């Protein structure tokens, strides 16, 4: 049994971050294009996420910062902490 309760059907507030992401994906990419094949649509989604959504678009859940910048800062902090962790071990 899961530690987390199942989301109520049709309740967008149960997973607001995911709902917001898919609304953005649809409104900023999907509805503005047409696709000849499923593969073309798949590649457009990947391109949207990797080239725009994660690298240029600020996100409210991380203080209106860009995800790529947040990840870079995380890896910098992690790398600087590694020598101290190894020394303590």
Protein backbone atom coordinates (compact mmCIF):
# COMPACT_ATOMS: atom_id res chain seq x y z
CA UNK A 1 0.00 0.00 0.00
CA UNK A 2 1.29 3.45 -0.87
CA UNK A 3 2.13 6.05 1.77
CA UNK A 4 0.41 8.65 -0.40
CA UNK A 5 -3.34 8.77 -0.95
CA UNK A 6 -4.56 8.36 -4.50
CA UNK A 7 -5.62 11.55 -6.22
CA UNK A 8 -9.32 12.10 -6.48
CA UNK A 9 -10.53 11.73 -10.05
CA UNK A 10 -10.93 15.11 -11.70
CA UNK A 11 -9.38 17.10 -8.85
CA UNK A 12 -6.63 19.19 -10.45
CA UNK A 13 -5.47 20.47 -7.05
CA UNK A 14 -4.17 17.02 -6.08
CA UNK A 15 -1.29 17.39 -8.51
CA UNK A 16 -1.17 21.07 -9.38
CA UNK A 17 2.43 21.08 -10.61
CA UNK A 18 1.81 18.31 -13.15
CA UNK A 19 -1.49 19.86 -14.22
CA UNK A 20 0.24 23.21 -14.72
CA UNK A 21 3.01 21.60 -16.78
CA UNK A 22 0.60 19.84 -19.12
CA UNK A 23 -1.51 23.00 -19.52
CA UNK A 24 1.65 24.89 -20.48
CA UNK A 25 2.72 22.14 -22.88
CA UNK A 26 -0.67 22.18 -24.60
CA UNK A 27 -1.09 25.96 -24.76
CA UNK A 28 2.46 26.96 -25.65
CA UNK A 29 3.34 24.11 -28.00
CA UNK A 30 0.75 21.46 -28.89
CA UNK A 31 -2.20 23.67 -29.90
CA UNK A 32 0.06 25.90 -32.03
CA UNK A 33 1.36 23.11 -34.29
CA UNK A 34 0.16 20.20 -36.33
CA UNK A 35 2.04 16.94 -36.61
CA UNK A 36 2.20 14.52 -39.53
CA UNK A 37 3.25 11.56 -37.39
CA UNK A 38 3.30 10.44 -33.79
CA UNK A 39 7.12 10.47 -33.92
CA UNK A 40 7.08 14.11 -35.05
CA UNK A 41 4.83 15.01 -32.10
CA UNK A 42 7.07 13.09 -29.70
CA UNK A 43 10.16 14.94 -30.93
CA UNK A 44 8.35 18.29 -30.66
CA UNK A 45 7.45 17.56 -27.02
CA UNK A 46 11.04 16.57 -26.20
CA UNK A 47 12.35 19.70 -27.94
CA UNK A 48 9.85 21.91 -26.08
CA UNK A 49 10.82 20.48 -22.70
CA UNK A 50 14.60 20.32 -23.19
CA UNK A 51 15.17 23.46 -25.27
CA UNK A 52 12.55 25.85 -23.94
CA UNK A 53 10.70 24.74 -20.79
CA UNK A 54 13.79 23.74 -18.77
CA UNK A 55 16.24 26.30 -20.19
CA UNK A 56 14.35 29.56 -20.71
CA UNK A 57 11.01 29.53 -18.91
CA UNK A 58 10.90 30.65 -15.24
CA UNK A 59 8.93 28.36 -12.91
CA UNK A 60 6.83 29.58 -10.01
CA UNK A 61 7.50 26.47 -7.89
CA UNK A 62 11.23 27.29 -7.76
CA UNK A 63 10.94 31.01 -7.11
CA UNK A 64 10.55 32.07 -10.75
CA UNK A 65 13.99 30.75 -11.60
CA UNK A 66 14.91 28.74 -14.67
CA UNK A 67 15.23 24.98 -13.99
CA UNK A 68 18.58 24.67 -15.79
CA UNK A 69 20.04 27.36 -13.53
CA UNK A 70 18.67 25.68 -10.41
CA UNK A 71 20.14 22.34 -11.48
CA UNK A 72 23.51 23.93 -12.24
CA UNK A 73 23.60 25.56 -8.80
CA UNK A 74 22.67 22.24 -7.18
CA UNK A 75 25.50 20.41 -8.96
CA UNK A 76 27.97 23.14 -8.03
CA UNK A 77 26.99 22.86 -4.34
CA UNK A 78 27.18 19.07 -4.54
CA UNK A 79 30.61 19.12 -6.17
CA UNK A 80 31.99 21.54 -3.58
CA UNK A 81 30.63 19.35 -0.76
CA UNK A 82 32.15 16.11 -2.10
CA UNK A 83 35.72 16.66 -0.78
CA UNK A 84 34.40 17.30 2.73
CA UNK A 85 32.19 14.21 2.56
CA UNK A 86 35.05 12.01 1.35
CA UNK A 87 37.39 13.41 4.01
CA UNK A 88 34.86 12.66 6.77
CA UNK A 89 34.42 9.08 5.55
